[in-house]
Amino acid sequence: MGAMIALARRLATPLAMVIVLAVVLTGCVPDPVGRETPTPASPAPSGIAAQSPVPTGPTPPPSFVRPTATPLPTFFIHVVASGDSLTSIARRYGTTPFSLSVWNRDTYPSLDPEWDGYAPDRIQVGWLLRLIPGREVDPEVLLDPTPSPMTPPATPGPTPAPTTSGAATPRPSLSGAATVVRHGSRSTPTVALTFDMGGRLDPALDILGWLVLNDVPATIFPTGKTGTGTSQGMAALDIVASHRDLFDLGNHSWSHPDFRDLDAAAMRDQLERTESALLATINMSTRPWFRPPFGGLDDQIPAVVGAAGWSHIVMWDVDTIDWRPLSDGGPTAADMVDKVVSKSQGGSIVLMHLGGYSTLEALPGIVDGLRTRGLTPVTLQTMFGG
């Protein structure tokens, strides 16, 4: 630094001396404390292009366009009138007789193209036929059960257990008709004990008491008139309502008429009067279970019952005939035990009555015999999950 000052003096001009001193002082100023000395960037390896610096700051969100839902086709209901045929109805709505058959085969089995009794040329006045105007069913995909014209693709899930022919859960109805069940899945070790309640009520309270005492689940089908219009019926319903963990409730009509003799309005009245009375009495609904009086069933009943809100018509595959007195050839307790235990299998629905003549005496042997065979009594709710 002294040499530089001496040089300035020799230049003998003030301006030269200022320039020299500025150069000297600049080189003597130390770096500020805390400032990092920049490190020279390493050159990119040979063959790899240097990357441009990544810009900092918030990234703008991507634009989102909500997809437009594709509307599902809607079924139209045609009431069959005099002179109608599947061909004339199909022509009217721009579809095919085969399509009409497939769409309505769950409600009217005679229209099922896969059934030996297929009779598309025989339809009845008053039938409620479901159809999609301008649409047709492809015969090549008839055996493919999904998706239905009204059902969007299902979310993948566990594969359901296989069922045997005639099992309780046939392909889903496209028409909204009630599903007729005669038994549950044969692959499960369960049996549904069901009791109709109408007419004779001795010994209903004792039967229900025994079921409660022995923790045996069951499903009760009362008629509205007997259940809510008699003292014994009310007492029986009180037991059912007090043990909802054990008992399901089903609809057995109001006054036990044969539904095959009723029109649609009368059927709905029978169902709804019973439902309203039971809700008002014990606050229990009979839906989704209905059992037709006398087991009477025709092609019209499932459509009307399903439209009214009862999705399952419950029949049976083991009938004890316990309503018949011994004097008229009815079964003894031993007869009942032998029949139920020997004929029941997985998924069986056993028909009994709270007024059965030998039912109370037979119940201990029935339940013990079923359990010995590895079969467990359950409610319909447990069997079908309805």
Protein backbone atom coordinates (compact mmCIF):
# COMPACT_ATOMS: atom_id res chain seq x y z
CA MET A 1 0.00 0.00 0.00
CA GLY A 2 2.97 2.37 0.81
CA ALA A 3 4.34 1.84 -2.71
CA MET A 4 1.05 2.93 -4.23
CA ILE A 5 1.01 6.15 -2.16
CA ALA A 6 4.56 6.90 -3.23
CA LEU A 7 3.48 6.43 -6.84
CA ALA A 8 0.72 8.95 -6.37
CA ARG A 9 3.12 11.51 -5.03
CA ARG A 10 5.37 11.10 -8.04
CA LEU A 11 2.41 11.68 -10.39
CA ALA A 12 2.15 15.07 -8.75
CA THR A 13 -1.53 15.62 -9.59
CA PRO A 14 -4.46 15.52 -7.17
CA LEU A 15 -6.66 13.60 -9.60
CA ALA A 16 -4.13 10.83 -10.11
CA MET A 17 -3.64 10.53 -6.42
CA VAL A 18 -7.45 10.12 -5.80
CA ILE A 19 -7.72 7.35 -8.40
CA VAL A 20 -4.83 5.40 -6.93
CA LEU A 21 -6.20 5.69 -3.39
CA ALA A 22 -9.68 4.50 -4.51
CA VAL A 23 -8.20 1.39 -6.06
CA VAL A 24 -6.20 0.64 -2.95
CA LEU A 25 -9.07 1.16 -0.53
CA THR A 26 -11.44 -1.03 -2.55
CA GLY A 27 -9.12 -3.97 -2.33
CA CYS A 28 -8.71 -3.53 1.43
CA VAL A 29 -12.43 -3.56 2.46
CA PRO A 30 -13.27 -6.88 4.28
CA ASP A 31 -16.41 -8.96 3.45
CA PRO A 32 -19.41 -8.19 5.69
CA VAL A 33 -19.87 -10.59 8.61
CA GLY A 34 -22.30 -13.41 7.77
CA ARG A 35 -22.22 -13.03 4.00
CA GLU A 36 -21.51 -16.32 2.26
CA THR A 37 -18.81 -16.36 -0.31
CA PRO A 38 -20.42 -17.58 -3.52
CA THR A 39 -19.09 -20.89 -4.75
CA PRO A 40 -18.38 -21.06 -8.44
CA ALA A 41 -20.84 -23.35 -10.16
CA SER A 42 -19.40 -26.66 -11.26
CA PRO A 43 -19.59 -27.21 -14.97
CA ALA A 44 -22.18 -29.76 -16.12
CA PRO A 45 -20.72 -33.19 -16.91
CA SER A 46 -19.94 -33.80 -20.51
CA GLY A 47 -22.99 -34.83 -22.52
CA ILE A 48 -25.58 -33.48 -20.02
CA ALA A 49 -27.18 -30.18 -20.80
CA ALA A 50 -27.35 -27.65 -18.02
CA GLN A 51 -30.87 -27.30 -16.61
CA SER A 52 -32.65 -24.01 -16.47
CA PRO A 53 -33.32 -22.74 -12.93
CA VAL A 54 -36.68 -23.81 -11.50
CA PRO A 55 -38.88 -20.80 -10.82
CA THR A 56 -39.96 -20.30 -7.24
CA GLY A 57 -43.35 -19.19 -5.91
CA PRO A 58 -46.87 -20.72 -5.69
CA THR A 59 -47.94 -23.06 -8.48
CA PRO A 60 -51.29 -22.08 -9.96
CA PRO A 61 -53.94 -24.82 -9.40
CA PRO A 62 -54.92 -26.84 -12.47
CA SER A 63 -58.26 -25.99 -14.00
CA PHE A 64 -61.07 -28.51 -13.25
CA VAL A 65 -64.11 -29.17 -15.37
CA ARG A 66 -66.88 -31.14 -13.66
CA PRO A 67 -67.96 -34.05 -15.84
CA THR A 68 -71.51 -34.07 -17.08
CA ALA A 69 -73.48 -37.07 -15.82
CA THR A 70 -75.01 -39.25 -18.48
CA PRO A 71 -78.70 -39.73 -17.66
CA LEU A 72 -79.82 -43.33 -17.19
CA PRO A 73 -82.69 -44.60 -19.29
CA THR A 74 -86.05 -44.50 -17.52
CA PHE A 75 -88.63 -47.26 -17.54
CA PHE A 76 -92.15 -46.48 -18.67
CA ILE A 77 -95.15 -48.47 -17.40
CA HIS A 78 -97.75 -49.74 -19.85
CA VAL A 79 -100.99 -51.16 -18.46
CA VAL A 80 -102.10 -54.05 -20.62
CA ALA A 81 -105.50 -53.39 -22.17
CA SER A 82 -107.92 -55.63 -23.99
CA GLY A 83 -106.56 -56.56 -27.42
CA ASP A 84 -102.93 -55.85 -26.50
CA SER A 85 -100.15 -58.28 -27.40
CA LEU A 86 -96.42 -58.06 -26.83
CA THR A 87 -96.00 -57.42 -30.54
CA SER A 88 -98.47 -54.53 -30.66
CA ILE A 89 -97.07 -52.99 -27.47
CA ALA A 90 -93.50 -53.30 -28.75
CA ARG A 91 -94.43 -51.69 -32.07
CA ARG A 92 -96.14 -48.81 -30.27
CA TYR A 93 -93.05 -47.98 -28.20
CA GLY A 94 -90.33 -48.71 -30.73
CA THR A 95 -88.93 -51.82 -29.05
CA THR A 96 -89.24 -55.61 -29.47
CA PRO A 97 -91.42 -58.32 -27.89
CA PHE A 98 -88.23 -60.04 -26.72
CA SER A 99 -87.15 -56.88 -24.88
CA LEU A 100 -90.53 -56.65 -23.17
CA SER A 101 -90.17 -60.25 -22.06
CA VAL A 102 -86.74 -59.70 -20.53
CA TRP A 103 -87.72 -56.48 -18.76
CA ASN A 104 -90.77 -58.12 -17.16
CA ARG A 105 -89.70 -61.73 -16.58
CA ASP A 106 -89.15 -61.23 -12.83
CA THR A 107 -92.71 -60.03 -12.35
CA TYR A 108 -94.34 -62.43 -14.81
CA PRO A 109 -92.40 -65.72 -15.01
CA SER A 110 -94.27 -66.80 -18.15
CA LEU A 111 -92.38 -64.05 -19.97
CA ASP A 112 -88.95 -65.42 -19.04
CA PRO A 113 -87.23 -66.51 -22.29
CA GLU A 114 -85.00 -68.87 -20.30
CA TRP A 115 -87.91 -70.76 -18.72
CA ASP A 116 -89.44 -73.89 -20.19
CA GLY A 117 -92.89 -72.37 -19.72
CA TYR A 118 -92.08 -69.25 -21.75
CA ALA A 119 -95.38 -68.00 -23.21
CA PRO A 120 -94.97 -64.50 -24.67
CA ASP A 121 -98.24 -64.83 -26.57
CA ARG A 122 -100.25 -64.95 -23.33
CA ILE A 123 -100.50 -61.71 -21.39
CA GLN A 124 -103.37 -60.54 -19.20
CA VAL A 125 -105.38 -57.35 -19.02
CA GLY A 126 -104.14 -55.24 -16.11
CA TRP A 127 -100.52 -56.40 -16.19
CA LEU A 128 -98.05 -53.59 -15.55
CA LEU A 129 -95.33 -53.93 -18.17
CA ARG A 130 -92.07 -52.02 -17.82
CA LEU A 131 -90.32 -50.83 -20.96
CA ILE A 132 -87.85 -48.28 -22.29
CA PRO A 133 -89.25 -46.58 -25.40
CA GLY A 134 -86.87 -46.76 -28.33
CA ARG A 135 -84.54 -49.26 -26.63
CA GLU A 136 -83.98 -52.97 -27.22
CA VAL A 137 -82.34 -55.81 -25.32
CA ASP A 138 -79.57 -57.57 -27.22
CA PRO A 139 -80.35 -61.33 -27.22
CA GLU A 140 -76.62 -62.06 -27.28
CA VAL A 141 -76.17 -60.56 -23.79
CA LEU A 142 -79.30 -62.03 -22.25
CA LEU A 143 -77.34 -64.24 -19.87
CA ASP A 144 -75.19 -61.37 -18.64
CA PRO A 145 -77.03 -60.19 -15.50
CA THR A 146 -75.30 -56.80 -15.20
CA PRO A 147 -75.60 -53.99 -15.73
CA SER A 148 -79.36 -53.63 -16.10
CA PRO A 149 -80.71 -50.79 -18.24
CA MET A 150 -81.48 -48.80 -15.09
CA THR A 151 -78.47 -49.67 -12.99
CA PRO A 152 -75.08 -47.91 -13.22
CA PRO A 153 -71.96 -50.09 -13.06
CA ALA A 154 -71.46 -51.34 -9.55
CA THR A 155 -68.41 -50.56 -7.46
CA PRO A 156 -66.15 -53.64 -7.40
CA GLY A 157 -66.50 -55.57 -4.19
CA PRO A 158 -66.39 -59.04 -2.70
CA THR A 159 -67.81 -61.79 -4.87
CA PRO A 160 -71.07 -63.01 -3.31
CA ALA A 161 -71.38 -66.62 -2.24
CA PRO A 162 -72.85 -68.80 -4.99
CA THR A 163 -76.45 -69.89 -4.66
CA THR A 164 -78.09 -73.01 -5.93
CA SER A 165 -80.90 -73.17 -8.43
CA GLY A 166 -84.08 -71.76 -6.93
CA ALA A 167 -82.19 -69.93 -4.20
CA ALA A 168 -83.74 -66.99 -2.47
CA THR A 169 -81.97 -64.22 -4.30
CA PRO A 170 -82.72 -64.48 -8.05
CA ARG A 171 -81.44 -61.84 -10.42
CA PRO A 172 -82.54 -58.33 -9.37
CA SER A 173 -85.95 -57.30 -10.61
CA LEU A 174 -85.98 -54.60 -13.27
CA SER A 175 -89.62 -53.85 -12.65
CA GLY A 176 -89.78 -53.06 -8.93
CA ALA A 177 -91.86 -56.19 -8.27
CA ALA A 178 -91.45 -58.03 -4.99
CA THR A 179 -89.04 -60.95 -5.03
CA VAL A 180 -90.63 -64.29 -4.15
CA VAL A 181 -88.42 -66.29 -1.78
CA ARG A 182 -88.91 -69.88 -0.72
CA HIS A 183 -85.57 -70.40 0.98
CA GLY A 184 -82.26 -68.67 1.50
CA SER A 185 -78.81 -69.60 0.33
CA ARG A 186 -78.12 -73.30 0.67
CA SER A 187 -74.48 -72.52 1.42
CA THR A 188 -75.25 -71.04 4.86
CA PRO A 189 -76.07 -73.12 7.99
CA THR A 190 -79.13 -71.05 8.91
CA VAL A 191 -82.86 -71.78 9.14
CA ALA A 192 -85.62 -69.17 9.46
CA LEU A 193 -88.41 -70.15 11.85
CA THR A 194 -91.52 -68.17 10.87
CA PHE A 195 -94.88 -68.01 12.65
CA ASP A 196 -98.15 -66.76 11.15
CA MET A 197 -100.54 -65.09 13.59
CA GLY A 198 -104.23 -64.95 12.73
CA GLY A 199 -107.39 -66.69 13.85
CA ARG A 200 -106.66 -69.13 16.69
CA LEU A 201 -104.20 -67.61 19.20
CA ASP A 202 -103.80 -70.37 21.79
CA PRO A 203 -101.01 -70.86 22.79
CA ALA A 204 -99.38 -67.79 21.14
CA LEU A 205 -98.16 -66.17 24.35
CA ASP A 206 -96.62 -69.43 25.58
CA ILE A 207 -94.83 -69.98 22.25
CA LEU A 208 -93.39 -66.46 22.26
CA GLY A 209 -92.42 -66.83 25.89
CA TRP A 210 -90.56 -70.06 25.16
CA LEU A 211 -88.70 -68.43 22.26
CA VAL A 212 -87.65 -65.54 24.51
CA LEU A 213 -86.64 -67.80 27.40
CA ASN A 214 -84.51 -69.94 25.11
CA ASP A 215 -83.12 -67.06 23.04
CA VAL A 216 -84.47 -68.42 19.73
CA PRO A 217 -84.86 -65.85 16.91
CA ALA A 218 -87.99 -65.95 14.75
CA THR A 219 -90.09 -63.89 12.36
CA ILE A 220 -93.77 -63.22 13.14
CA PHE A 221 -96.40 -62.57 10.46
CA PRO A 222 -99.53 -61.15 12.14
CA THR A 223 -102.75 -60.16 10.46
CA GLY A 224 -103.61 -56.60 11.37
CA LYS A 225 -107.12 -57.42 12.52
CA THR A 226 -106.06 -60.18 14.90
CA GLY A 227 -102.86 -58.51 16.08
CA THR A 228 -104.29 -55.12 16.92
CA GLY A 229 -107.95 -56.00 17.46
CA THR A 230 -107.79 -58.69 20.14
CA SER A 231 -106.37 -58.72 23.66
CA GLN A 232 -104.26 -61.82 22.99
CA GLY A 233 -102.99 -60.35 19.76
CA MET A 234 -101.99 -57.14 21.50
CA ALA A 235 -100.22 -59.07 24.25
CA ALA A 236 -98.35 -61.12 21.67
CA LEU A 237 -97.26 -58.00 19.81
CA ASP A 238 -96.07 -56.47 23.09
CA ILE A 239 -93.72 -59.44 23.55
CA VAL A 240 -92.42 -59.04 20.00
CA ALA A 241 -91.87 -55.30 20.47
CA SER A 242 -90.08 -55.87 23.78
CA HIS A 243 -87.57 -58.26 22.18
CA ARG A 244 -86.63 -56.65 18.87
CA ASP A 245 -83.25 -58.35 19.03
CA LEU A 246 -85.03 -61.70 18.66
CA PHE A 247 -88.02 -61.00 16.43
CA ASP A 248 -88.67 -59.67 12.94
CA LEU A 249 -92.16 -58.61 11.93
CA GLY A 250 -93.84 -59.29 8.59
CA ASN A 251 -97.19 -58.41 6.99
CA HIS A 252 -99.84 -61.13 6.67
CA SER A 253 -102.65 -58.81 5.42
CA TRP A 254 -105.41 -57.19 7.46
CA SER A 255 -108.15 -59.84 7.40
CA HIS A 256 -106.52 -62.85 5.69
CA PRO A 257 -108.23 -62.80 2.25
CA ASP A 258 -106.86 -64.70 -0.70
CA PHE A 259 -104.95 -62.03 -2.65
CA ARG A 260 -105.68 -63.87 -5.89
CA ASP A 261 -109.29 -62.72 -5.49
CA LEU A 262 -108.41 -59.03 -4.96
CA ASP A 263 -107.70 -56.19 -7.34
CA ALA A 264 -104.64 -54.00 -6.89
CA ALA A 265 -106.42 -51.36 -4.78
CA ALA A 266 -107.78 -53.96 -2.36
CA MET A 267 -104.35 -55.56 -1.99
CA ARG A 268 -102.76 -52.22 -1.15
CA ASP A 269 -105.49 -51.51 1.38
CA GLN A 270 -104.88 -54.84 3.14
CA LEU A 271 -101.15 -54.16 3.34
CA GLU A 272 -101.32 -50.52 4.36
CA ARG A 273 -104.04 -50.94 7.01
CA THR A 274 -101.94 -53.58 8.72
CA GLU A 275 -98.77 -51.50 8.47
CA SER A 276 -100.45 -48.41 9.89
CA ALA A 277 -102.07 -50.32 12.76
CA LEU A 278 -98.81 -52.01 13.79
CA LEU A 279 -96.84 -48.78 13.62
CA ALA A 280 -99.45 -47.06 15.79
CA THR A 281 -99.57 -49.96 18.26
CA ILE A 282 -95.95 -51.04 18.73
CA ASN A 283 -93.99 -48.74 16.41
CA MET A 284 -92.67 -51.63 14.31
CA SER A 285 -92.82 -51.84 10.54
CA THR A 286 -93.60 -54.99 8.59
CA ARG A 287 -91.52 -53.93 5.58
CA PRO A 288 -89.94 -55.53 3.62
CA TRP A 289 -91.62 -58.89 4.40
CA PHE A 290 -95.06 -60.03 3.18
CA ARG A 291 -96.61 -63.48 3.35
CA PRO A 292 -99.74 -64.00 1.24
CA PRO A 293 -102.68 -65.66 3.04
CA PHE A 294 -103.10 -69.31 2.05
CA GLY A 295 -99.79 -68.99 0.17
CA GLY A 296 -101.87 -67.65 -2.72
CA LEU A 297 -99.70 -66.25 -5.49
CA ASP A 298 -100.20 -65.28 -9.12
CA ASP A 299 -98.44 -63.12 -11.69
CA GLN A 300 -100.07 -59.88 -10.54
CA ILE A 301 -99.38 -60.05 -6.79
CA PRO A 302 -95.59 -59.45 -6.84
CA ALA A 303 -96.01 -56.30 -8.94
CA VAL A 304 -98.65 -54.80 -6.66
CA VAL A 305 -96.92 -55.79 -3.41
CA GLY A 306 -93.55 -54.52 -4.60
CA ALA A 307 -94.99 -51.21 -5.76
CA ALA A 308 -96.63 -50.81 -2.33
CA GLY A 309 -93.23 -51.08 -0.62
CA TRP A 310 -92.84 -54.73 0.37
CA SER A 311 -89.83 -56.06 -1.53
CA HIS A 312 -89.97 -59.74 -0.41
CA ILE A 313 -92.86 -62.17 -0.62
CA VAL A 314 -91.91 -64.88 1.85
CA MET A 315 -93.04 -68.42 1.10
CA TRP A 316 -91.45 -71.55 2.63
CA ASP A 317 -89.89 -74.90 1.84
CA VAL A 318 -90.90 -76.74 5.05
CA ASP A 319 -94.59 -76.65 6.04
CA THR A 320 -95.52 -78.16 9.41
CA ILE A 321 -99.31 -77.88 8.75
CA ASP A 322 -99.60 -77.21 12.50
CA TRP A 323 -102.81 -75.21 11.97
CA ARG A 324 -104.71 -78.45 11.43
CA PRO A 325 -106.09 -80.11 14.63
CA LEU A 326 -105.17 -83.69 15.50
CA SER A 327 -108.80 -84.68 15.08
CA ASP A 328 -108.60 -83.59 11.44
CA GLY A 329 -105.35 -85.40 10.70
CA GLY A 330 -103.02 -82.65 11.93
CA PRO A 331 -99.46 -83.49 13.04
CA THR A 332 -98.43 -84.54 16.50
CA ALA A 333 -95.43 -82.87 18.16
CA ALA A 334 -93.29 -85.85 17.18
CA ASP A 335 -94.48 -85.55 13.59
CA MET A 336 -93.50 -81.89 13.54
CA VAL A 337 -90.06 -82.53 15.00
CA ASP A 338 -89.35 -85.31 12.53
CA LYS A 339 -90.51 -83.28 9.53
CA VAL A 340 -88.67 -80.06 10.36
CA VAL A 341 -85.41 -81.68 11.42
CA SER A 342 -85.29 -84.16 8.53
CA LYS A 343 -86.37 -81.81 5.74
CA SER A 344 -84.61 -78.58 6.72
CA GLN A 345 -81.35 -77.65 5.08
CA GLY A 346 -79.25 -74.54 4.84
CA GLY A 347 -81.49 -71.57 4.04
CA SER A 348 -84.77 -73.33 4.80
CA ILE A 349 -87.84 -71.29 5.77
CA VAL A 350 -90.09 -73.21 8.18
CA LEU A 351 -93.79 -72.32 8.34
CA MET A 352 -95.53 -72.59 11.71
CA HIS A 353 -98.38 -70.80 13.50
CA LEU A 354 -98.65 -69.12 16.90
CA GLY A 355 -101.99 -70.90 17.18
CA GLY A 356 -100.57 -74.27 16.13
CA TYR A 357 -102.07 -77.21 18.01
CA SER A 358 -98.84 -79.10 18.74
CA THR A 359 -96.32 -76.32 18.08
CA LEU A 360 -95.40 -75.43 21.66
CA GLU A 361 -94.74 -79.06 22.50
CA ALA A 362 -92.70 -79.57 19.35
CA LEU A 363 -90.45 -76.51 19.60
CA PRO A 364 -87.81 -77.90 22.01
CA GLY A 365 -87.25 -80.96 19.80
CA ILE A 366 -87.21 -78.85 16.63
CA VAL A 367 -84.60 -76.41 17.89
CA ASP A 368 -82.41 -79.10 19.48
CA GLY A 369 -82.63 -81.24 16.35
CA LEU A 370 -81.68 -78.37 14.05
CA ARG A 371 -78.72 -77.43 16.22
CA THR A 372 -77.57 -81.04 16.34
CA ARG A 373 -77.46 -80.98 12.54
CA GLY A 374 -75.41 -77.78 12.64
CA LEU A 375 -78.32 -75.51 11.63
CA THR A 376 -78.94 -72.25 13.50
CA PRO A 377 -82.35 -70.53 13.76
CA VAL A 378 -82.24 -66.91 12.55
CA THR A 379 -84.62 -64.12 11.58
CA LEU A 380 -85.36 -63.29 7.96
CA GLN A 381 -83.38 -60.09 8.43
CA THR A 382 -80.31 -62.14 9.31
CA MET A 383 -80.88 -64.62 6.49
CA PHE A 384 -81.49 -62.12 3.70
CA GLY A 385 -80.17 -58.85 5.06
CA GLY A 386 -83.35 -57.13 3.86
